[in-house]
Amino acid sequence: MGSTTQMVDSLAIYDASMQLPEPNDKEGILAWLGFNEIVSEKVLKEYEDCIKDNDPEGILRPSVIPEETLPRNLKRVFTQFDEEDDEESPGLRPEFALLCGKTPVHASEGMKERWYIKAVGNHVEDLVGMYTAMLGDLWRERAYARTMESEKGTEMKTEKETW
């Protein structure tokens, strides 16, 4: 999502210039969700292990909307990781980590300002969950836009043929 993404009532509006990952592109989905390279590799390995071992812990679940199954399961794998991860590095690329509760704490006079991270784990899970849901919505909007473009092209072709 870029700075030009339109939002209406907190929903992202699909634009043809958006570069969305395809529903089967694991690496693209992980990048779109904001994971850094280290966490992306860890999530992907854990996901592949779950698939290989027939998901003994029951992390993976099918989604009602089939194309949303992969992003939702990648999110589930991510949220299963231990909370022992470094609080300074919540596993997201810097531009996403800034959205996860990293806020300046203004100290009293005589003390310098410092950065404080409040409950990073919860903010990260919320952000990843929000982007997971948004990705499914944007895929549906993209499919609808493509259908409309296709129908428009068919109508134009039909009109030319009738002349």
N, C-alpha and C. Protein backbone atom coordinates (compact mmCIF):
# COMPACT_ATOMS: atom_id res chain seq x y z
N MET A 1 0.85 -1.16 0.00
CA MET A 1 0.00 0.00 0.00
C MET A 1 0.90 1.23 0.00
N GLY A 2 0.57 2.18 -0.78
CA GLY A 2 1.39 3.38 -0.86
C GLY A 2 0.70 4.58 -0.26
N SER A 3 1.38 5.70 -0.28
CA SER A 3 0.83 6.91 0.31
C SER A 3 -0.34 7.45 -0.49
N THR A 4 -0.52 6.98 -1.72
CA THR A 4 -1.63 7.46 -2.54
C THR A 4 -2.87 6.57 -2.42
N THR A 5 -2.82 5.56 -1.55
CA THR A 5 -3.96 4.67 -1.38
C THR A 5 -5.13 5.46 -0.82
N GLN A 6 -6.27 5.33 -1.48
CA GLN A 6 -7.47 6.03 -1.01
C GLN A 6 -8.14 5.20 0.07
N MET A 7 -8.59 5.86 1.11
CA MET A 7 -9.29 5.19 2.19
C MET A 7 -10.66 5.85 2.33
N VAL A 8 -11.70 5.02 2.44
CA VAL A 8 -13.06 5.50 2.68
C VAL A 8 -13.62 4.67 3.83
N ASP A 9 -14.03 5.34 4.89
CA ASP A 9 -14.54 4.65 6.07
C ASP A 9 -13.57 3.57 6.53
N SER A 10 -12.31 3.88 6.58
CA SER A 10 -11.20 3.01 6.99
C SER A 10 -11.00 1.79 6.09
N LEU A 11 -11.57 1.79 4.90
CA LEU A 11 -11.35 0.72 3.94
C LEU A 11 -10.50 1.24 2.78
N ALA A 12 -9.54 0.44 2.37
CA ALA A 12 -8.72 0.82 1.22
C ALA A 12 -9.52 0.61 -0.05
N ILE A 13 -9.39 1.51 -0.99
CA ILE A 13 -10.08 1.43 -2.27
C ILE A 13 -9.08 0.97 -3.32
N TYR A 14 -9.44 -0.07 -4.05
CA TYR A 14 -8.54 -0.61 -5.07
C TYR A 14 -8.33 0.40 -6.19
N ASP A 15 -7.09 0.49 -6.63
CA ASP A 15 -6.70 1.33 -7.75
C ASP A 15 -5.85 0.45 -8.66
N ALA A 16 -6.04 0.55 -9.95
CA ALA A 16 -5.32 -0.29 -10.90
C ALA A 16 -3.80 -0.17 -10.79
N SER A 17 -3.31 0.92 -10.21
CA SER A 17 -1.86 1.09 -10.08
C SER A 17 -1.29 0.34 -8.88
N MET A 18 -2.16 -0.22 -8.03
CA MET A 18 -1.68 -0.97 -6.86
C MET A 18 -0.96 -2.24 -7.29
N GLN A 19 0.12 -2.53 -6.61
CA GLN A 19 0.86 -3.75 -6.90
C GLN A 19 0.55 -4.76 -5.80
N LEU A 20 -0.50 -5.54 -6.01
CA LEU A 20 -0.90 -6.56 -5.05
C LEU A 20 -0.22 -7.88 -5.39
N PRO A 21 0.14 -8.65 -4.38
CA PRO A 21 0.68 -9.98 -4.68
C PRO A 21 -0.46 -10.87 -5.19
N GLU A 22 -0.11 -11.89 -5.91
CA GLU A 22 -1.11 -12.85 -6.37
C GLU A 22 -1.49 -13.75 -5.19
N PRO A 23 -2.68 -14.32 -5.19
CA PRO A 23 -3.13 -15.14 -4.05
C PRO A 23 -2.26 -16.35 -3.72
N ASN A 24 -1.42 -16.81 -4.64
CA ASN A 24 -0.55 -17.96 -4.36
C ASN A 24 0.92 -17.56 -4.16
N ASP A 25 1.22 -16.28 -4.09
CA ASP A 25 2.58 -15.78 -3.97
C ASP A 25 2.93 -15.58 -2.49
N LYS A 26 3.48 -16.61 -1.86
CA LYS A 26 3.77 -16.56 -0.43
C LYS A 26 4.69 -15.40 -0.06
N GLU A 27 5.81 -15.27 -0.79
CA GLU A 27 6.77 -14.21 -0.48
C GLU A 27 6.15 -12.83 -0.69
N GLY A 28 5.37 -12.69 -1.76
CA GLY A 28 4.71 -11.41 -2.03
C GLY A 28 3.71 -11.05 -0.95
N ILE A 29 2.97 -12.04 -0.47
CA ILE A 29 1.99 -11.79 0.61
C ILE A 29 2.71 -11.39 1.88
N LEU A 30 3.78 -12.10 2.22
CA LEU A 30 4.54 -11.76 3.44
C LEU A 30 5.09 -10.33 3.35
N ALA A 31 5.59 -9.95 2.18
CA ALA A 31 6.10 -8.59 2.01
C ALA A 31 4.96 -7.58 2.12
N TRP A 32 3.81 -7.88 1.52
CA TRP A 32 2.67 -6.96 1.57
C TRP A 32 2.17 -6.78 3.00
N LEU A 33 2.27 -7.86 3.80
CA LEU A 33 1.86 -7.76 5.21
C LEU A 33 2.86 -6.99 6.05
N GLY A 34 4.03 -6.71 5.49
CA GLY A 34 5.00 -5.86 6.18
C GLY A 34 6.13 -6.58 6.88
N PHE A 35 6.23 -7.89 6.75
CA PHE A 35 7.28 -8.63 7.45
C PHE A 35 8.65 -8.32 6.87
N ASN A 36 9.65 -8.26 7.75
CA ASN A 36 11.02 -8.10 7.26
C ASN A 36 11.51 -9.45 6.74
N GLU A 37 12.69 -9.47 6.13
CA GLU A 37 13.20 -10.69 5.49
C GLU A 37 13.39 -11.83 6.49
N ILE A 38 13.90 -11.53 7.67
CA ILE A 38 14.17 -12.57 8.66
C ILE A 38 12.86 -13.24 9.09
N VAL A 39 11.86 -12.45 9.41
CA VAL A 39 10.60 -13.01 9.85
C VAL A 39 9.88 -13.70 8.69
N SER A 40 9.98 -13.14 7.49
CA SER A 40 9.37 -13.78 6.32
C SER A 40 9.92 -15.19 6.13
N GLU A 41 11.25 -15.34 6.23
CA GLU A 41 11.87 -16.66 6.10
C GLU A 41 11.38 -17.60 7.21
N LYS A 42 11.30 -17.08 8.43
CA LYS A 42 10.87 -17.89 9.57
C LYS A 42 9.41 -18.33 9.39
N VAL A 43 8.53 -17.42 8.98
CA VAL A 43 7.12 -17.74 8.78
C VAL A 43 6.97 -18.75 7.65
N LEU A 44 7.69 -18.52 6.56
CA LEU A 44 7.60 -19.43 5.41
C LEU A 44 8.07 -20.84 5.77
N LYS A 45 9.17 -20.93 6.50
CA LYS A 45 9.69 -22.24 6.92
C LYS A 45 8.68 -22.93 7.83
N GLU A 46 8.15 -22.22 8.79
CA GLU A 46 7.17 -22.80 9.72
C GLU A 46 5.91 -23.24 8.98
N TYR A 47 5.47 -22.42 8.02
CA TYR A 47 4.29 -22.75 7.22
C TYR A 47 4.54 -24.03 6.42
N GLU A 48 5.69 -24.11 5.75
CA GLU A 48 6.03 -25.30 4.97
C GLU A 48 6.13 -26.53 5.87
N ASP A 49 6.68 -26.37 7.08
CA ASP A 49 6.75 -27.49 8.03
C ASP A 49 5.35 -27.95 8.44
N CYS A 50 4.45 -27.01 8.66
CA CYS A 50 3.07 -27.36 9.00
C CYS A 50 2.43 -28.16 7.87
N ILE A 51 2.64 -27.73 6.64
CA ILE A 51 2.09 -28.43 5.47
C ILE A 51 2.67 -29.85 5.40
N LYS A 52 4.01 -29.94 5.55
CA LYS A 52 4.71 -31.22 5.43
C LYS A 52 4.27 -32.20 6.52
N ASP A 53 4.07 -31.69 7.74
CA ASP A 53 3.72 -32.56 8.88
C ASP A 53 2.21 -32.69 9.10
N ASN A 54 1.42 -32.26 8.13
CA ASN A 54 -0.05 -32.29 8.24
C ASN A 54 -0.57 -31.47 9.42
N ASP A 55 0.11 -30.38 9.74
CA ASP A 55 -0.34 -29.40 10.73
C ASP A 55 -0.76 -30.03 12.07
N PRO A 56 0.20 -30.64 12.79
CA PRO A 56 -0.15 -31.32 14.04
C PRO A 56 -0.72 -30.40 15.13
N GLU A 57 -0.39 -29.11 15.09
CA GLU A 57 -0.88 -28.19 16.12
C GLU A 57 -2.19 -27.51 15.73
N GLY A 58 -2.67 -27.77 14.53
CA GLY A 58 -3.95 -27.20 14.10
C GLY A 58 -3.92 -25.70 13.83
N ILE A 59 -2.79 -25.20 13.36
CA ILE A 59 -2.65 -23.77 13.07
C ILE A 59 -3.37 -23.40 11.78
N LEU A 60 -3.22 -24.23 10.76
CA LEU A 60 -3.74 -23.91 9.44
C LEU A 60 -5.22 -24.28 9.33
N ARG A 61 -5.97 -23.37 8.72
CA ARG A 61 -7.40 -23.60 8.53
C ARG A 61 -7.82 -23.07 7.17
N PRO A 62 -8.77 -23.76 6.54
CA PRO A 62 -9.28 -23.22 5.28
C PRO A 62 -10.16 -22.00 5.56
N SER A 63 -10.16 -21.08 4.64
CA SER A 63 -11.00 -19.89 4.76
C SER A 63 -12.26 -20.10 3.93
N VAL A 64 -13.32 -19.42 4.31
CA VAL A 64 -14.57 -19.49 3.55
C VAL A 64 -14.32 -19.01 2.12
N ILE A 65 -13.48 -18.00 1.98
CA ILE A 65 -13.10 -17.48 0.66
C ILE A 65 -11.74 -18.08 0.33
N PRO A 66 -11.68 -19.04 -0.61
CA PRO A 66 -10.45 -19.80 -0.85
C PRO A 66 -9.18 -18.98 -1.04
N GLU A 67 -9.25 -17.87 -1.79
CA GLU A 67 -8.02 -17.10 -2.03
C GLU A 67 -7.51 -16.41 -0.77
N GLU A 68 -8.31 -16.34 0.28
CA GLU A 68 -7.85 -15.74 1.53
C GLU A 68 -7.21 -16.76 2.47
N THR A 69 -7.24 -18.03 2.11
CA THR A 69 -6.69 -19.07 2.99
C THR A 69 -5.20 -18.87 3.23
N LEU A 70 -4.42 -18.66 2.18
CA LEU A 70 -2.97 -18.52 2.34
C LEU A 70 -2.60 -17.32 3.21
N PRO A 71 -3.07 -16.09 2.93
CA PRO A 71 -2.67 -14.99 3.81
C PRO A 71 -3.13 -15.17 5.26
N ARG A 72 -4.31 -15.71 5.45
CA ARG A 72 -4.79 -15.92 6.83
C ARG A 72 -3.94 -16.96 7.55
N ASN A 73 -3.54 -18.01 6.84
CA ASN A 73 -2.71 -19.03 7.48
C ASN A 73 -1.29 -18.52 7.74
N LEU A 74 -0.75 -17.71 6.83
CA LEU A 74 0.56 -17.11 7.10
C LEU A 74 0.48 -16.21 8.32
N LYS A 75 -0.61 -15.48 8.47
CA LYS A 75 -0.81 -14.64 9.66
C LYS A 75 -0.89 -15.51 10.91
N ARG A 76 -1.62 -16.62 10.83
CA ARG A 76 -1.74 -17.53 11.99
C ARG A 76 -0.38 -18.08 12.39
N VAL A 77 0.42 -18.47 11.41
CA VAL A 77 1.76 -18.99 11.70
C VAL A 77 2.56 -17.90 12.42
N PHE A 78 2.51 -16.68 11.92
CA PHE A 78 3.25 -15.58 12.54
C PHE A 78 2.81 -15.35 13.98
N THR A 79 1.52 -15.37 14.24
CA THR A 79 1.03 -15.08 15.59
C THR A 79 1.29 -16.23 16.57
N GLN A 80 1.71 -17.40 16.07
CA GLN A 80 2.04 -18.53 16.94
C GLN A 80 3.46 -18.46 17.50
N PHE A 81 4.28 -17.54 16.95
CA PHE A 81 5.66 -17.44 17.43
C PHE A 81 5.67 -17.01 18.89
N ASP A 82 6.74 -17.41 19.58
CA ASP A 82 6.91 -17.04 20.98
C ASP A 82 7.05 -15.54 21.13
N GLU A 83 6.65 -15.03 22.27
CA GLU A 83 6.76 -13.60 22.56
C GLU A 83 8.19 -13.20 22.91
N GLU A 84 9.14 -14.13 22.82
CA GLU A 84 10.52 -13.83 23.20
C GLU A 84 11.25 -12.97 22.19
N ASP A 85 10.61 -12.67 21.05
CA ASP A 85 11.28 -11.85 20.05
C ASP A 85 11.65 -10.49 20.63
N ASP A 86 12.71 -9.94 20.11
CA ASP A 86 13.22 -8.65 20.55
C ASP A 86 12.18 -7.56 20.39
N GLU A 87 11.88 -6.86 21.47
CA GLU A 87 10.89 -5.79 21.45
C GLU A 87 11.28 -4.65 20.51
N GLU A 88 12.59 -4.47 20.31
CA GLU A 88 13.04 -3.40 19.43
C GLU A 88 12.81 -3.75 17.96
N SER A 89 12.66 -5.02 17.67
CA SER A 89 12.49 -5.46 16.29
C SER A 89 11.30 -6.41 16.21
N PRO A 90 10.09 -5.87 16.05
CA PRO A 90 8.90 -6.71 16.07
C PRO A 90 8.69 -7.57 14.83
N GLY A 91 9.69 -7.64 13.94
CA GLY A 91 9.59 -8.50 12.78
C GLY A 91 9.02 -7.84 11.55
N LEU A 92 8.82 -6.54 11.62
CA LEU A 92 8.26 -5.81 10.50
C LEU A 92 9.31 -4.90 9.88
N ARG A 93 9.09 -4.57 8.61
CA ARG A 93 9.93 -3.56 7.98
C ARG A 93 9.72 -2.25 8.74
N PRO A 94 10.72 -1.37 8.77
CA PRO A 94 10.63 -0.14 9.58
C PRO A 94 9.37 0.69 9.35
N GLU A 95 8.93 0.82 8.09
CA GLU A 95 7.76 1.66 7.82
C GLU A 95 6.48 1.06 8.42
N PHE A 96 6.46 -0.25 8.66
CA PHE A 96 5.32 -0.87 9.30
C PHE A 96 5.48 -0.84 10.81
N ALA A 97 6.70 -1.02 11.29
CA ALA A 97 6.95 -1.02 12.73
C ALA A 97 6.54 0.31 13.36
N LEU A 98 6.68 1.39 12.61
CA LEU A 98 6.29 2.70 13.14
C LEU A 98 4.80 2.77 13.46
N LEU A 99 4.01 1.93 12.81
CA LEU A 99 2.57 1.92 13.05
C LEU A 99 2.18 1.08 14.27
N CYS A 100 3.15 0.47 14.91
CA CYS A 100 2.86 -0.50 15.96
C CYS A 100 3.16 -0.01 17.37
N GLY A 101 2.89 1.23 17.64
CA GLY A 101 3.01 1.71 19.01
C GLY A 101 4.35 2.28 19.39
N LYS A 102 5.23 2.48 18.43
CA LYS A 102 6.49 3.14 18.76
C LYS A 102 6.20 4.62 18.86
N THR A 103 6.17 5.13 20.05
CA THR A 103 5.81 6.53 20.25
C THR A 103 6.85 7.22 21.12
N PRO A 104 7.06 8.52 20.89
CA PRO A 104 8.03 9.22 21.73
C PRO A 104 7.43 9.49 23.11
N VAL A 105 8.25 9.29 24.12
CA VAL A 105 7.84 9.61 25.47
C VAL A 105 8.58 10.88 25.85
N HIS A 106 7.84 11.89 26.17
CA HIS A 106 8.47 13.15 26.55
C HIS A 106 8.74 13.11 28.05
N ALA A 107 9.99 13.10 28.38
CA ALA A 107 10.39 13.04 29.78
C ALA A 107 10.29 14.42 30.42
N SER A 108 10.34 14.42 31.71
CA SER A 108 10.25 15.70 32.42
C SER A 108 11.47 16.55 32.09
N GLU A 109 11.38 17.83 32.45
CA GLU A 109 12.45 18.76 32.12
C GLU A 109 13.79 18.26 32.65
N GLY A 110 14.80 18.40 31.85
CA GLY A 110 16.13 17.96 32.23
C GLY A 110 16.46 16.57 31.71
N MET A 111 15.46 15.85 31.27
CA MET A 111 15.70 14.51 30.72
C MET A 111 15.44 14.57 29.22
N LYS A 112 16.20 13.81 28.48
CA LYS A 112 16.00 13.84 27.03
C LYS A 112 14.85 12.91 26.61
N GLU A 113 14.31 13.23 25.44
CA GLU A 113 13.22 12.42 24.89
C GLU A 113 13.74 11.04 24.53
N ARG A 114 12.94 10.03 24.75
CA ARG A 114 13.32 8.68 24.36
C ARG A 114 12.13 8.04 23.66
N TRP A 115 12.40 6.96 22.95
CA TRP A 115 11.32 6.25 22.26
C TRP A 115 10.90 5.07 23.10
N TYR A 116 9.62 4.86 23.18
CA TYR A 116 9.06 3.81 24.00
C TYR A 116 8.16 2.94 23.13
N ILE A 117 8.21 1.65 23.35
CA ILE A 117 7.36 0.74 22.60
C ILE A 117 6.33 0.18 23.58
N LYS A 118 5.07 0.42 23.31
CA LYS A 118 4.04 -0.09 24.22
C LYS A 118 3.35 -1.30 23.61
N ALA A 119 3.39 -2.41 24.29
CA ALA A 119 2.73 -3.65 23.89
C ALA A 119 2.88 -3.92 22.39
N VAL A 120 4.10 -3.98 21.94
CA VAL A 120 4.36 -4.14 20.51
C VAL A 120 3.68 -5.38 19.94
N GLY A 121 3.76 -6.49 20.64
CA GLY A 121 3.18 -7.73 20.12
C GLY A 121 1.73 -7.58 19.73
N ASN A 122 0.94 -6.93 20.57
CA ASN A 122 -0.47 -6.74 20.26
C ASN A 122 -0.66 -5.83 19.07
N HIS A 123 0.10 -4.76 18.99
CA HIS A 123 -0.02 -3.84 17.85
C HIS A 123 0.38 -4.52 16.55
N VAL A 124 1.43 -5.32 16.59
CA VAL A 124 1.89 -6.01 15.39
C VAL A 124 0.82 -6.98 14.92
N GLU A 125 0.29 -7.78 15.83
CA GLU A 125 -0.77 -8.72 15.46
C GLU A 125 -1.98 -8.00 14.89
N ASP A 126 -2.36 -6.88 15.49
CA ASP A 126 -3.49 -6.10 14.98
C ASP A 126 -3.22 -5.58 13.57
N LEU A 127 -2.01 -5.04 13.36
CA LEU A 127 -1.66 -4.49 12.06
C LEU A 127 -1.64 -5.59 10.99
N VAL A 128 -1.01 -6.71 11.31
CA VAL A 128 -0.94 -7.82 10.35
C VAL A 128 -2.35 -8.35 10.07
N GLY A 129 -3.18 -8.44 11.08
CA GLY A 129 -4.56 -8.88 10.89
C GLY A 129 -5.34 -7.93 9.99
N MET A 130 -5.16 -6.64 10.22
CA MET A 130 -5.85 -5.64 9.41
C MET A 130 -5.40 -5.71 7.95
N TYR A 131 -4.08 -5.85 7.72
CA TYR A 131 -3.58 -5.94 6.36
C TYR A 131 -3.98 -7.25 5.68
N THR A 132 -4.11 -8.32 6.47
CA THR A 132 -4.56 -9.60 5.91
C THR A 132 -5.99 -9.46 5.39
N ALA A 133 -6.86 -8.88 6.20
CA ALA A 133 -8.25 -8.67 5.79
C ALA A 133 -8.32 -7.71 4.60
N MET A 134 -7.52 -6.66 4.65
CA MET A 134 -7.52 -5.67 3.58
C MET A 134 -7.08 -6.29 2.26
N LEU A 135 -6.11 -7.20 2.31
CA LEU A 135 -5.62 -7.84 1.09
C LEU A 135 -6.75 -8.62 0.41
N GLY A 136 -7.51 -9.36 1.19
CA GLY A 136 -8.64 -10.09 0.62
C GLY A 136 -9.66 -9.16 -0.01
N ASP A 137 -9.96 -8.06 0.67
CA ASP A 137 -10.89 -7.07 0.12
C ASP A 137 -10.37 -6.48 -1.19
N LEU A 138 -9.08 -6.16 -1.21
CA LEU A 138 -8.50 -5.57 -2.42
C LEU A 138 -8.46 -6.56 -3.58
N TRP A 139 -8.23 -7.84 -3.28
CA TRP A 139 -8.27 -8.85 -4.34
C TRP A 139 -9.68 -8.92 -4.95
N ARG A 140 -10.70 -8.87 -4.10
CA ARG A 140 -12.08 -8.91 -4.61
C ARG A 140 -12.38 -7.67 -5.45
N GLU A 141 -11.93 -6.51 -4.98
CA GLU A 141 -12.14 -5.28 -5.74
C GLU A 141 -11.40 -5.33 -7.07
N ARG A 142 -10.19 -5.89 -7.07
CA ARG A 142 -9.42 -6.00 -8.31
C ARG A 142 -10.15 -6.93 -9.29
N ALA A 143 -10.66 -8.05 -8.80
CA ALA A 143 -11.39 -8.99 -9.67
C ALA A 143 -12.63 -8.31 -10.26
N TYR A 144 -13.32 -7.54 -9.43
CA TYR A 144 -14.51 -6.82 -9.91
C TYR A 144 -14.12 -5.79 -10.98
N ALA A 145 -13.04 -5.04 -10.72
CA ALA A 145 -12.59 -4.02 -11.68
C ALA A 145 -12.19 -4.68 -13.00
N ARG A 146 -11.52 -5.81 -12.92
CA ARG A 146 -11.13 -6.51 -14.15
C ARG A 146 -12.36 -7.01 -14.91
N THR A 147 -13.36 -7.49 -14.17
CA THR A 147 -14.60 -7.94 -14.80
C THR A 147 -15.29 -6.78 -15.51
N MET A 148 -15.34 -5.64 -14.84
CA MET A 148 -15.98 -4.47 -15.43
C MET A 148 -15.22 -4.01 -16.68
N GLU A 149 -13.89 -4.02 -16.64
CA GLU A 149 -13.08 -3.65 -17.80
C GLU A 149 -13.33 -4.61 -18.95
N SER A 150 -13.42 -5.88 -18.65
CA SER A 150 -13.66 -6.90 -19.66
C SER A 150 -15.03 -6.70 -20.31
N GLU A 151 -16.05 -6.43 -19.48
CA GLU A 151 -17.39 -6.21 -20.00
C GLU A 151 -17.44 -4.94 -20.85
N LYS A 152 -16.72 -3.91 -20.41
CA LYS A 152 -16.67 -2.66 -21.17
C LYS A 152 -16.04 -2.90 -22.54
N GLY A 153 -14.96 -3.67 -22.56
CA GLY A 153 -14.29 -3.99 -23.82
C GLY A 153 -15.20 -4.79 -24.74
N THR A 154 -15.98 -5.70 -24.17
CA THR A 154 -16.91 -6.50 -24.96
C THR A 154 -18.02 -5.62 -25.53
N GLU A 155 -18.52 -4.69 -24.72
CA GLU A 155 -19.57 -3.77 -25.19
C GLU A 155 -19.05 -2.90 -26.33
N MET A 156 -17.84 -2.38 -26.19
CA MET A 156 -17.25 -1.53 -27.23
C MET A 156 -17.10 -2.32 -28.52
N LYS A 157 -16.63 -3.56 -28.40
CA LYS A 157 -16.43 -4.39 -29.58
C LYS A 157 -17.78 -4.67 -30.26
N THR A 158 -18.80 -4.94 -29.46
CA THR A 158 -20.14 -5.22 -29.99
C THR A 158 -20.70 -3.99 -30.70
N GLU A 159 -20.50 -2.81 -30.12
CA GLU A 159 -20.98 -1.58 -30.74
C GLU A 159 -20.30 -1.35 -32.08
N LYS A 160 -19.00 -1.58 -32.19
CA LYS A 160 -18.27 -1.40 -33.45
C LYS A 160 -18.77 -2.39 -34.50
N GLU A 161 -19.06 -3.62 -34.09
CA GLU A 161 -19.52 -4.64 -35.02
C GLU A 161 -20.91 -4.31 -35.57
N THR A 162 -21.75 -3.63 -34.77
CA THR A 162 -23.10 -3.30 -35.24
C THR A 162 -23.13 -2.10 -36.16
N TRP A 163 -22.08 -1.32 -36.22
CA TRP A 163 -22.04 -0.16 -37.10
C TRP A 163 -21.79 -0.62 -38.46
